[in-house]
């Protein structure tokens, strides 16, 4: 009888310790309220997004979220393309400015 009681106490103690460790690591399973409409947890400027803005963009890590290396790769490609387009736009603006000056 004493062995059974000791066994139940030890199992209860191990379960309580396991519960405390899991709740400390993963939180208390509270749901966060929704973000206000029109907002996001990630930050980008409203206008004039540059390649460096995309490179600085970071996403929240979640247990079953996207693979971080794939997101980083996609952001790097987008940043390069934005830089290319900005350079092309600057060249086109300078050509149009010189064309207006020659008239």
N, C-alpha and C. Protein backbone atom coordinates (compact mmCIF):
# COMPACT_ATOMS: atom_id res chain seq x y z
N UNK A 1 0.83 -1.19 0.00
CA UNK A 1 0.00 0.00 0.00
C UNK A 1 0.87 1.25 0.00
N UNK A 2 1.93 1.22 0.80
CA UNK A 2 2.84 2.35 0.87
C UNK A 2 3.56 2.56 -0.47
N UNK A 3 3.89 1.46 -1.14
CA UNK A 3 4.56 1.54 -2.43
C UNK A 3 3.64 2.19 -3.47
N UNK A 4 2.37 1.84 -3.46
CA UNK A 4 1.41 2.42 -4.40
C UNK A 4 1.24 3.92 -4.14
N UNK A 5 1.15 4.31 -2.88
CA UNK A 5 1.01 5.72 -2.52
C UNK A 5 2.26 6.50 -2.94
N UNK A 6 3.42 5.93 -2.68
CA UNK A 6 4.67 6.57 -3.09
C UNK A 6 4.74 6.70 -4.61
N UNK A 7 4.31 5.66 -5.32
CA UNK A 7 4.29 5.69 -6.78
C UNK A 7 3.37 6.81 -7.29
N UNK A 8 2.20 6.94 -6.74
CA UNK A 8 1.23 7.98 -7.14
C UNK A 8 1.79 9.37 -6.85
N UNK A 9 2.43 9.57 -5.72
CA UNK A 9 3.02 10.86 -5.38
C UNK A 9 4.16 11.23 -6.33
N UNK A 10 4.99 10.28 -6.67
CA UNK A 10 6.11 10.55 -7.58
C UNK A 10 5.59 10.87 -8.98
N UNK A 11 4.60 10.12 -9.44
CA UNK A 11 4.02 10.40 -10.76
C UNK A 11 3.37 11.79 -10.76
N UNK A 12 2.67 12.15 -9.71
CA UNK A 12 2.05 13.47 -9.60
C UNK A 12 3.10 14.57 -9.59
N UNK A 13 4.19 14.36 -8.86
CA UNK A 13 5.26 15.34 -8.80
C UNK A 13 5.93 15.51 -10.17
N UNK A 14 6.18 14.42 -10.86
CA UNK A 14 6.78 14.49 -12.19
C UNK A 14 5.82 15.19 -13.16
N UNK A 15 4.54 14.90 -13.08
CA UNK A 15 3.55 15.55 -13.95
C UNK A 15 3.49 17.04 -13.67
N UNK A 16 3.53 17.44 -12.41
CA UNK A 16 3.50 18.86 -12.06
C UNK A 16 4.75 19.57 -12.56
N UNK A 17 5.90 18.96 -12.42
CA UNK A 17 7.14 19.55 -12.90
C UNK A 17 7.13 19.68 -14.42
N UNK A 18 6.64 18.64 -15.08
CA UNK A 18 6.55 18.67 -16.54
C UNK A 18 5.59 19.78 -16.99
N UNK A 19 4.47 19.94 -16.31
CA UNK A 19 3.51 20.99 -16.62
C UNK A 19 4.15 22.37 -16.46
N UNK A 20 4.90 22.58 -15.39
CA UNK A 20 5.55 23.87 -15.16
C UNK A 20 6.59 24.18 -16.23
N UNK A 21 7.36 23.19 -16.62
CA UNK A 21 8.37 23.40 -17.64
C UNK A 21 7.72 23.72 -18.99
N UNK A 22 6.70 22.96 -19.36
CA UNK A 22 6.03 23.19 -20.63
C UNK A 22 5.34 24.54 -20.64
N UNK A 23 4.67 24.92 -19.57
CA UNK A 23 4.00 26.22 -19.54
C UNK A 23 5.00 27.37 -19.54
N UNK A 24 6.18 27.17 -18.97
CA UNK A 24 7.21 28.22 -19.00
C UNK A 24 7.79 28.37 -20.41
N UNK A 25 7.95 27.27 -21.12
CA UNK A 25 8.54 27.32 -22.45
C UNK A 25 7.53 27.81 -23.50
N UNK A 26 6.32 27.28 -23.48
CA UNK A 26 5.34 27.57 -24.52
C UNK A 26 4.28 28.58 -24.11
N UNK A 27 4.31 29.10 -22.93
CA UNK A 27 3.31 30.06 -22.49
C UNK A 27 2.07 29.38 -21.94
N UNK A 28 1.08 30.21 -21.67
CA UNK A 28 -0.13 29.68 -21.06
C UNK A 28 -1.25 29.46 -22.05
N UNK A 29 -0.94 29.41 -23.32
CA UNK A 29 -1.91 29.17 -24.39
C UNK A 29 -2.98 30.24 -24.45
N UNK A 30 -2.60 31.46 -24.09
CA UNK A 30 -3.55 32.56 -24.20
C UNK A 30 -3.56 33.04 -25.64
N UNK A 31 -4.73 33.35 -26.14
CA UNK A 31 -4.83 33.88 -27.48
C UNK A 31 -4.71 35.40 -27.41
N UNK A 32 -3.93 35.94 -28.34
CA UNK A 32 -3.80 37.38 -28.42
C UNK A 32 -5.00 37.94 -29.15
N UNK A 33 -5.37 39.13 -28.79
CA UNK A 33 -6.46 39.79 -29.49
C UNK A 33 -6.06 40.12 -30.91
N UNK A 34 -7.02 40.28 -31.80
CA UNK A 34 -6.67 40.60 -33.18
C UNK A 34 -6.06 41.99 -33.29
N UNK A 35 -5.19 42.15 -34.28
CA UNK A 35 -4.61 43.46 -34.53
C UNK A 35 -5.69 44.39 -35.07
N UNK A 36 -5.59 45.66 -34.80
CA UNK A 36 -6.56 46.60 -35.38
C UNK A 36 -6.55 46.51 -36.90
N UNK A 37 -7.69 46.74 -37.52
CA UNK A 37 -7.80 46.62 -38.97
C UNK A 37 -6.85 47.58 -39.67
N UNK A 38 -6.18 47.07 -40.68
CA UNK A 38 -5.26 47.89 -41.45
C UNK A 38 -3.85 47.95 -40.89
N UNK A 39 -3.56 47.19 -39.85
CA UNK A 39 -2.21 47.17 -39.29
C UNK A 39 -1.60 45.80 -39.45
N UNK A 40 -0.30 45.73 -39.27
CA UNK A 40 0.42 44.48 -39.38
C UNK A 40 1.54 44.47 -38.34
N UNK A 41 2.00 43.29 -38.01
CA UNK A 41 3.08 43.18 -37.04
C UNK A 41 4.43 43.52 -37.68
N UNK A 42 4.54 43.36 -38.99
CA UNK A 42 5.77 43.73 -39.69
C UNK A 42 5.67 45.18 -40.13
N UNK A 43 6.81 45.81 -40.32
CA UNK A 43 6.82 47.25 -40.60
C UNK A 43 7.50 47.52 -41.94
N UNK A 44 6.79 48.23 -42.80
CA UNK A 44 7.34 48.76 -44.04
C UNK A 44 6.83 50.18 -44.20
N UNK A 45 7.61 51.06 -44.82
CA UNK A 45 7.11 52.41 -45.02
C UNK A 45 5.90 52.40 -45.96
N UNK A 46 5.01 53.36 -45.79
CA UNK A 46 3.82 53.42 -46.63
C UNK A 46 4.17 53.76 -48.07
N UNK A 47 5.17 54.60 -48.27
CA UNK A 47 5.58 55.01 -49.61
C UNK A 47 7.10 54.94 -49.70
N UNK A 48 7.60 54.77 -50.91
CA UNK A 48 9.04 54.79 -51.12
C UNK A 48 9.78 53.61 -50.53
N UNK A 49 9.23 52.42 -50.70
CA UNK A 49 9.91 51.22 -50.19
C UNK A 49 11.18 51.00 -50.99
N UNK A 50 12.28 50.81 -50.29
CA UNK A 50 13.57 50.58 -50.95
C UNK A 50 14.05 49.16 -50.67
N UNK A 51 15.10 48.79 -51.37
CA UNK A 51 15.68 47.46 -51.15
C UNK A 51 16.15 47.27 -49.73
N UNK A 52 16.69 48.32 -49.12
CA UNK A 52 17.15 48.19 -47.74
C UNK A 52 15.98 48.00 -46.78
N UNK A 53 14.81 48.59 -47.11
CA UNK A 53 13.62 48.35 -46.29
C UNK A 53 13.23 46.88 -46.32
N UNK A 54 13.30 46.28 -47.51
CA UNK A 54 12.95 44.87 -47.65
C UNK A 54 13.98 44.00 -46.94
N UNK A 55 15.27 44.37 -47.07
CA UNK A 55 16.31 43.59 -46.39
C UNK A 55 16.17 43.63 -44.88
N UNK A 56 15.69 44.75 -44.35
CA UNK A 56 15.54 44.90 -42.89
C UNK A 56 14.26 44.26 -42.36
N UNK A 57 13.38 43.84 -43.26
CA UNK A 57 12.10 43.26 -42.85
C UNK A 57 12.31 41.91 -42.18
N UNK A 58 11.70 41.72 -41.04
CA UNK A 58 11.79 40.47 -40.31
C UNK A 58 10.38 40.01 -39.95
N UNK A 59 10.18 38.70 -40.00
CA UNK A 59 8.89 38.13 -39.68
C UNK A 59 8.94 37.45 -38.32
N UNK A 60 7.80 37.38 -37.70
CA UNK A 60 7.69 36.72 -36.41
C UNK A 60 7.87 35.22 -36.61
N UNK A 61 8.63 34.60 -35.74
CA UNK A 61 8.83 33.16 -35.84
C UNK A 61 7.73 32.44 -35.09
N UNK A 62 7.17 31.44 -35.74
CA UNK A 62 6.12 30.64 -35.13
C UNK A 62 6.47 29.17 -35.28
N UNK A 63 5.80 28.36 -34.50
CA UNK A 63 6.10 26.92 -34.49
C UNK A 63 5.90 26.30 -35.87
N UNK A 64 4.79 26.61 -36.51
CA UNK A 64 4.50 26.02 -37.82
C UNK A 64 4.49 27.08 -38.90
N UNK A 65 5.41 28.04 -38.80
CA UNK A 65 5.46 29.13 -39.76
C UNK A 65 6.27 28.77 -40.98
N UNK A 66 6.62 29.78 -41.75
CA UNK A 66 7.40 29.58 -42.95
C UNK A 66 8.85 29.29 -42.59
N UNK A 67 9.53 28.62 -43.49
CA UNK A 67 10.95 28.33 -43.28
C UNK A 67 11.72 29.63 -43.44
N UNK A 68 12.47 30.00 -42.43
CA UNK A 68 13.13 31.31 -42.39
C UNK A 68 14.09 31.51 -43.56
N UNK A 69 14.81 30.48 -43.96
CA UNK A 69 15.77 30.64 -45.06
C UNK A 69 15.05 30.93 -46.38
N UNK A 70 13.87 30.36 -46.59
CA UNK A 70 13.12 30.63 -47.81
C UNK A 70 12.58 32.05 -47.82
N UNK A 71 12.10 32.52 -46.68
CA UNK A 71 11.61 33.89 -46.59
C UNK A 71 12.76 34.87 -46.82
N UNK A 72 13.92 34.60 -46.21
CA UNK A 72 15.08 35.47 -46.41
C UNK A 72 15.51 35.50 -47.87
N UNK A 73 15.47 34.34 -48.54
CA UNK A 73 15.84 34.27 -49.95
C UNK A 73 14.88 35.10 -50.79
N UNK A 74 13.59 34.96 -50.54
CA UNK A 74 12.60 35.72 -51.30
C UNK A 74 12.75 37.22 -51.06
N UNK A 75 12.99 37.62 -49.82
CA UNK A 75 13.18 39.03 -49.52
C UNK A 75 14.43 39.58 -50.18
N UNK A 76 15.49 38.78 -50.24
CA UNK A 76 16.72 39.23 -50.91
C UNK A 76 16.48 39.44 -52.40
N UNK A 77 15.74 38.53 -53.03
CA UNK A 77 15.42 38.68 -54.45
C UNK A 77 14.57 39.93 -54.67
N UNK A 78 13.58 40.16 -53.83
CA UNK A 78 12.74 41.35 -53.95
C UNK A 78 13.54 42.63 -53.76
N UNK A 79 14.44 42.62 -52.80
CA UNK A 79 15.27 43.80 -52.54
C UNK A 79 16.15 44.11 -53.74
N UNK A 80 16.74 43.08 -54.36
CA UNK A 80 17.57 43.29 -55.55
C UNK A 80 16.75 43.88 -56.69
N UNK A 81 15.55 43.35 -56.87
CA UNK A 81 14.69 43.85 -57.96
C UNK A 81 14.27 45.29 -57.71
N UNK A 82 13.95 45.63 -56.47
CA UNK A 82 13.58 47.01 -56.15
C UNK A 82 14.75 47.94 -56.43
N UNK A 83 15.96 47.53 -56.07
CA UNK A 83 17.14 48.36 -56.34
C UNK A 83 17.35 48.54 -57.85
N UNK A 84 17.16 47.47 -58.64
CA UNK A 84 17.29 47.57 -60.09
C UNK A 84 16.27 48.55 -60.66
N UNK A 85 15.02 48.44 -60.22
CA UNK A 85 13.97 49.32 -60.72
C UNK A 85 14.21 50.77 -60.32
N UNK A 86 14.70 50.98 -59.10
CA UNK A 86 15.01 52.34 -58.66
C UNK A 86 16.13 52.94 -59.51
N UNK A 87 17.14 52.14 -59.86
CA UNK A 87 18.24 52.61 -60.70
C UNK A 87 17.74 52.94 -62.10
N UNK A 88 16.89 52.06 -62.67
CA UNK A 88 16.32 52.32 -63.99
C UNK A 88 15.47 53.58 -63.98
N UNK A 89 14.71 53.78 -62.92
CA UNK A 89 13.87 54.98 -62.82
C UNK A 89 14.72 56.24 -62.72
N UNK A 90 15.81 56.16 -61.98
CA UNK A 90 16.71 57.32 -61.86
C UNK A 90 17.33 57.66 -63.21
N UNK A 91 17.73 56.65 -63.98
CA UNK A 91 18.30 56.88 -65.31
C UNK A 91 17.25 57.49 -66.22
N UNK A 92 16.03 56.96 -66.20
CA UNK A 92 14.96 57.49 -67.05
C UNK A 92 14.63 58.93 -66.67
N UNK A 93 14.62 59.24 -65.40
CA UNK A 93 14.35 60.61 -64.97
C UNK A 93 15.46 61.56 -65.41
N UNK A 94 16.70 61.10 -65.32
CA UNK A 94 17.81 61.97 -65.74
C UNK A 94 17.77 62.19 -67.25
N UNK A 95 17.40 61.16 -68.03
CA UNK A 95 17.29 61.33 -69.48
C UNK A 95 16.17 62.29 -69.84
N UNK A 96 15.05 62.18 -69.13
CA UNK A 96 13.93 63.08 -69.43
C UNK A 96 14.25 64.50 -68.99
N UNK A 97 15.02 64.66 -67.92
CA UNK A 97 15.41 66.00 -67.48
C UNK A 97 16.35 66.65 -68.46
N UNK A 98 17.30 65.88 -69.01
CA UNK A 98 18.22 66.43 -70.01
C UNK A 98 17.49 66.72 -71.32
N UNK A 99 16.49 65.92 -71.66
CA UNK A 99 15.73 66.17 -72.89
C UNK A 99 14.92 67.46 -72.75
N UNK A 100 14.40 67.74 -71.59
CA UNK A 100 13.62 68.95 -71.36
C UNK A 100 14.56 70.16 -71.40
N UNK A 101 15.76 70.03 -70.89
CA UNK A 101 16.72 71.14 -70.88
C UNK A 101 17.17 71.51 -72.29
N UNK A 102 17.26 70.53 -73.20
CA UNK A 102 17.73 70.79 -74.55
C UNK A 102 16.66 71.43 -75.44
N UNK A 103 15.45 71.49 -74.99
CA UNK A 103 14.38 72.09 -75.80
C UNK A 103 14.43 73.55 -75.72
